[in-house]
Amino acid sequence: MEITFLGTGTSSGVPVVGCECIVCRSDNTKDRRLRSSVLIEKDGVRLLIDVTPDFREQMLGLTFTKIDGVLITHEHYDHVGGLDDLRPFGRFGEISIYAENNVSDALMNRIPYCFMKNKYSDIPNLRITDIDCAPFQIEGIDIIPIRVMHHKLPILGFRIDDFAYLTDVKTIPTEELDKLKGLSVLVVSALRRSEHISHQNLDQAIALIHKIDAKETYLTHLSHEMGLHDEVQQELDRRVNIAFDGLKISV
């Protein structure tokens, strides 16, 4: 299984428009972060987790082939703002979107033209499948949803084989930790160093990483307030890495 980090930034991206901080002015490409999403490729099946407002830009340099499924963590704009840009992939057939019922409702209210029964030409060819915390399959690939709390909002992370992706985490119910045992690779969000109402900071993310105890962990959904990539990386345990846009890993 190959994982491509399409984006590793928070909702504002990095650099932030109008910001002159040292991170936003950095000439290190690892400090430039589009909104967070990953592309997963396994046994000829191609899956996305979230479709960000930067999706078009993220896909321009990649092979143009079918997307077999899109897993949506939650309805916030930085995670679904690129759904309309799925339209070129409709030439391969209908694109399945997997989301919880409340998320599906939000999407159909925001972009109803994508889900009409009688669609006109040149709009995304999307079909929503409602999911919950029960395991399911996409083209023979087993998907295990993980309940995550984004402050008071219940959202989903996902486990595929020995890989798990958890974004916008503030807390995880204790009973969900059992679903994360024996991971080879964990991807988890860490917004910044200081406290935040709905996101883990760096210290909280590290505490969760120790609980899960994956063989290797990558931090994502970082803001410019986290600091420079290279400097923060030097502070971390050897099994903890800061992900960056375009990074590819094998699991």
Protein backbone atom coordinates (compact mmCIF):
# COMPACT_ATOMS: atom_id res chain seq x y z
CA MET A 1 0.00 0.00 0.00
CA GLU A 2 1.33 3.42 -0.96
CA ILE A 3 0.26 6.63 0.78
CA THR A 4 0.74 10.06 -0.81
CA PHE A 5 0.29 13.12 1.38
CA LEU A 6 -1.58 15.53 -0.90
CA GLY A 7 -1.66 18.21 1.79
CA THR A 8 -0.55 18.53 5.40
CA GLY A 9 -1.77 21.99 6.45
CA THR A 10 -4.67 23.23 8.51
CA SER A 11 -7.68 25.17 7.19
CA SER A 12 -5.70 28.34 6.38
CA GLY A 13 -2.87 26.50 4.65
CA VAL A 14 0.77 27.56 4.93
CA PRO A 15 1.77 30.23 4.08
CA VAL A 16 -1.23 32.07 5.48
CA VAL A 17 -2.41 34.92 3.26
CA GLY A 18 -0.96 38.17 4.56
CA CYS A 19 1.28 36.58 7.20
CA GLU A 20 4.94 37.56 7.46
CA CYS A 21 6.04 35.07 10.15
CA ILE A 22 9.24 33.06 9.70
CA VAL A 23 7.30 29.93 8.68
CA CYS A 24 5.18 31.68 6.08
CA ARG A 25 8.31 33.34 4.64
CA SER A 26 10.32 30.11 4.62
CA ASP A 27 11.86 29.00 1.32
CA ASN A 28 11.88 25.36 2.45
CA THR A 29 9.25 23.53 0.39
CA LYS A 30 8.44 21.38 3.45
CA ASP A 31 7.04 24.51 5.11
CA ARG A 32 4.49 25.04 2.32
CA ARG A 33 1.32 23.16 3.21
CA LEU A 34 -1.92 22.74 1.27
CA ARG A 35 -5.02 21.56 3.11
CA SER A 36 -4.84 18.02 4.55
CA SER A 37 -5.66 14.94 2.49
CA VAL A 38 -4.08 11.61 1.54
CA LEU A 39 -4.25 9.36 -1.50
CA ILE A 40 -4.13 5.61 -0.78
CA GLU A 41 -3.26 3.06 -3.46
CA LYS A 42 -3.55 -0.68 -2.76
CA ASP A 43 -3.94 -3.62 -5.12
CA GLY A 44 -4.96 -1.34 -7.98
CA VAL A 45 -7.60 0.44 -5.86
CA ARG A 46 -7.31 4.20 -5.38
CA LEU A 47 -8.90 5.89 -2.35
CA LEU A 48 -8.94 9.48 -1.12
CA ILE A 49 -9.42 10.62 2.44
CA ASP A 50 -11.06 14.06 2.20
CA VAL A 51 -11.19 16.36 -0.84
CA THR A 52 -9.78 19.76 0.05
CA PRO A 53 -10.19 23.16 -1.63
CA ASP A 54 -6.67 22.52 -2.99
CA PHE A 55 -7.61 19.20 -4.63
CA ARG A 56 -7.19 20.40 -8.21
CA GLU A 57 -3.68 21.66 -7.52
CA GLN A 58 -2.82 18.52 -5.55
CA MET A 59 -3.76 16.18 -8.41
CA LEU A 60 -2.13 18.02 -11.32
CA GLY A 61 1.20 16.23 -10.98
CA LEU A 62 -0.22 12.75 -10.38
CA THR A 63 -1.31 10.01 -12.76
CA PHE A 64 -4.86 10.57 -13.99
CA THR A 65 -6.67 7.33 -13.23
CA LYS A 66 -9.90 6.22 -11.59
CA ILE A 67 -10.70 7.11 -7.98
CA ASP A 68 -12.55 4.16 -6.46
CA GLY A 69 -13.79 5.85 -3.30
CA VAL A 70 -13.62 9.03 -1.25
CA LEU A 71 -13.70 8.76 2.53
CA ILE A 72 -14.94 11.92 4.26
CA THR A 73 -13.87 12.58 7.84
CA HIS A 74 -16.33 15.45 8.42
CA GLU A 75 -18.09 18.31 6.70
CA HIS A 76 -15.79 21.26 7.44
CA TYR A 77 -14.92 23.17 4.29
CA ASP A 78 -11.18 22.48 4.37
CA HIS A 79 -12.01 18.75 4.11
CA VAL A 80 -14.75 18.81 1.44
CA GLY A 81 -14.25 22.04 -0.50
CA GLY A 82 -12.80 20.24 -3.51
CA LEU A 83 -15.71 17.89 -4.24
CA ASP A 84 -16.69 19.84 -7.35
CA ASP A 85 -13.16 19.36 -8.70
CA LEU A 86 -13.75 15.61 -8.89
CA ARG A 87 -15.62 16.23 -12.14
CA PRO A 88 -12.78 15.15 -14.50
CA PHE A 89 -12.65 11.76 -12.78
CA GLY A 90 -16.29 11.17 -13.72
CA ARG A 91 -15.14 9.95 -17.13
CA PHE A 92 -14.16 6.70 -15.38
CA GLY A 93 -17.69 6.30 -13.98
CA GLU A 94 -19.55 7.18 -10.84
CA ILE A 95 -17.42 8.26 -7.87
CA SER A 96 -18.50 6.88 -4.52
CA ILE A 97 -18.41 9.24 -1.54
CA TYR A 98 -18.48 7.58 1.90
CA ALA A 99 -19.68 9.78 4.76
CA GLU A 100 -21.82 9.74 7.88
CA ASN A 101 -25.48 10.66 7.44
CA ASN A 102 -25.18 14.16 8.92
CA VAL A 103 -22.20 14.84 6.67
CA SER A 104 -24.10 13.59 3.62
CA ASP A 105 -26.97 15.95 4.45
CA ALA A 106 -24.56 18.87 4.74
CA LEU A 107 -22.97 18.11 1.39
CA MET A 108 -26.28 17.75 -0.42
CA ASN A 109 -27.41 21.09 0.99
CA ARG A 110 -24.20 22.87 -0.04
CA ILE A 111 -23.78 21.44 -3.55
CA PRO A 112 -27.19 19.98 -4.47
CA TYR A 113 -26.45 20.05 -8.21
CA CYS A 114 -23.89 17.25 -7.67
CA PHE A 115 -26.55 14.90 -6.33
CA MET A 116 -29.60 15.54 -8.52
CA LYS A 117 -31.32 12.52 -10.07
CA ASN A 118 -31.27 14.12 -13.50
CA LYS A 119 -27.84 15.70 -13.73
CA TYR A 120 -26.81 17.99 -16.52
CA SER A 121 -23.48 17.50 -18.28
CA ASP A 122 -20.08 18.52 -16.90
CA ILE A 123 -20.90 18.21 -13.22
CA PRO A 124 -19.27 15.74 -10.81
CA ASN A 125 -20.61 12.21 -11.14
CA LEU A 126 -20.96 11.51 -7.42
CA ARG A 127 -22.91 8.99 -5.36
CA ILE A 128 -23.07 9.16 -1.57
CA THR A 129 -23.01 6.03 0.57
CA ASP A 130 -23.86 6.57 4.23
CA ILE A 131 -21.50 4.95 6.73
CA ASP A 132 -21.16 4.86 10.50
CA CYS A 133 -18.58 3.26 12.80
CA ALA A 134 -19.18 -0.23 11.38
CA PRO A 135 -16.44 -1.72 9.14
CA PHE A 136 -17.14 -1.83 5.40
CA GLN A 137 -15.37 -2.58 2.13
CA ILE A 138 -14.48 -0.68 -1.01
CA GLU A 139 -13.45 -2.91 -3.94
CA GLY A 140 -12.36 -5.63 -1.51
CA ILE A 141 -10.39 -3.24 0.73
CA ASP A 142 -11.42 -3.41 4.40
CA ILE A 143 -12.12 -0.01 6.00
CA ILE A 144 -12.47 0.40 9.77
CA PRO A 145 -13.94 3.79 10.83
CA ILE A 146 -12.58 5.27 14.05
CA ARG A 147 -14.71 7.63 16.15
CA VAL A 148 -12.82 10.85 16.90
CA MET A 149 -14.00 13.98 18.72
CA HIS A 150 -13.29 17.35 17.09
CA HIS A 151 -14.17 19.31 20.26
CA LYS A 152 -17.91 18.46 20.51
CA LEU A 153 -18.27 17.30 16.90
CA PRO A 154 -18.08 13.51 16.34
CA ILE A 155 -16.03 12.83 13.21
CA LEU A 156 -14.30 9.81 11.66
CA GLY A 157 -10.79 8.55 11.24
CA PHE A 158 -10.05 5.45 9.18
CA ARG A 159 -7.91 2.33 9.46
CA ILE A 160 -6.89 0.30 6.42
CA ASP A 161 -4.77 -2.75 7.21
CA ASP A 162 -1.94 -1.53 9.46
CA PHE A 163 -2.37 2.13 8.49
CA ALA A 164 -4.62 4.67 10.25
CA TYR A 165 -5.43 8.30 9.47
CA LEU A 166 -6.79 10.56 12.22
CA THR A 167 -7.23 14.24 11.50
CA ASP A 168 -8.78 17.14 13.45
CA VAL A 169 -8.38 15.17 16.66
CA LYS A 170 -9.05 16.67 20.05
CA THR A 171 -9.91 13.48 21.91
CA ILE A 172 -10.59 9.82 21.13
CA PRO A 173 -13.03 7.72 23.19
CA THR A 174 -11.10 5.11 25.14
CA GLU A 175 -13.01 2.24 23.55
CA GLU A 176 -11.86 3.33 20.08
CA LEU A 177 -8.19 2.88 20.97
CA ASP A 178 -8.61 -0.89 20.66
CA LYS A 179 -9.19 -0.39 16.92
CA LEU A 180 -5.73 1.16 16.66
CA LYS A 181 -3.64 -1.65 18.10
CA GLY A 182 -0.77 -3.09 16.07
CA LEU A 183 -0.39 -0.25 13.58
CA SER A 184 2.64 0.01 11.34
CA VAL A 185 1.88 3.63 10.44
CA LEU A 186 -0.26 6.21 12.21
CA VAL A 187 -1.04 9.61 10.72
CA VAL A 188 -2.41 12.03 13.30
CA SER A 189 -3.07 15.76 13.47
CA ALA A 190 -1.09 18.20 15.60
CA LEU A 191 -2.15 21.78 15.01
CA ARG A 192 0.39 23.86 16.93
CA ARG A 193 2.29 24.06 20.22
CA SER A 194 -0.28 26.03 22.23
CA GLU A 195 -3.69 24.85 23.44
CA HIS A 196 -6.64 24.85 21.02
CA ILE A 197 -10.30 24.20 21.75
CA SER A 198 -10.89 21.63 19.00
CA HIS A 199 -7.46 20.34 17.98
CA GLN A 200 -4.62 18.55 19.73
CA ASN A 201 -1.49 20.58 20.26
CA LEU A 202 1.92 18.97 19.86
CA ASP A 203 2.20 17.69 23.43
CA GLN A 204 -1.30 16.18 23.31
CA ALA A 205 -0.55 14.51 19.99
CA ILE A 206 2.64 13.00 21.39
CA ALA A 207 0.72 11.66 24.41
CA LEU A 208 -1.78 9.99 22.06
CA ILE A 209 1.05 8.62 19.93
CA HIS A 210 2.52 6.93 23.00
CA LYS A 211 -0.86 5.37 23.82
CA ILE A 212 -1.34 3.97 20.32
CA ASP A 213 2.32 2.94 19.99
CA ALA A 214 2.47 2.52 16.23
CA LYS A 215 5.80 1.54 14.71
CA GLU A 216 5.96 4.90 12.95
CA THR A 217 3.90 8.09 13.14
CA TYR A 218 3.48 11.10 10.84
CA LEU A 219 2.08 14.43 12.02
CA THR A 220 -0.32 16.32 9.73
CA HIS A 221 -2.82 19.20 9.73
CA LEU A 222 -0.14 21.61 10.97
CA SER A 223 -0.52 25.37 11.17
CA HIS A 224 2.21 27.98 10.74
CA GLU A 225 2.18 28.32 14.53
CA MET A 226 3.84 24.92 14.89
CA GLY A 227 7.16 26.30 13.70
CA LEU A 228 9.67 25.46 10.99
CA HIS A 229 9.58 21.87 9.76
CA ASP A 230 13.28 21.13 10.20
CA GLU A 231 13.49 22.64 13.68
CA VAL A 232 10.43 20.82 15.03
CA GLN A 233 11.55 17.55 13.47
CA GLN A 234 14.80 17.67 15.45
CA GLU A 235 12.80 17.77 18.71
CA LEU A 236 10.81 14.61 18.01
CA ASP A 237 11.36 10.95 18.81
CA ARG A 238 12.94 9.01 15.95
CA ARG A 239 9.63 7.18 15.33
CA VAL A 240 7.70 10.45 14.92
CA ASN A 241 7.96 12.39 11.66
CA ILE A 242 6.42 15.58 10.38
CA ALA A 243 4.66 14.83 7.12
CA PHE A 244 5.00 17.24 4.22
CA ASP A 245 3.15 17.78 0.96
CA GLY A 246 4.08 15.24 -1.69
CA LEU A 247 5.61 12.76 0.75
CA LYS A 248 5.09 9.13 -0.30
CA ILE A 249 5.36 6.23 2.11
CA SER A 250 4.81 2.49 1.77
CA VAL A 251 3.00 0.43 4.39
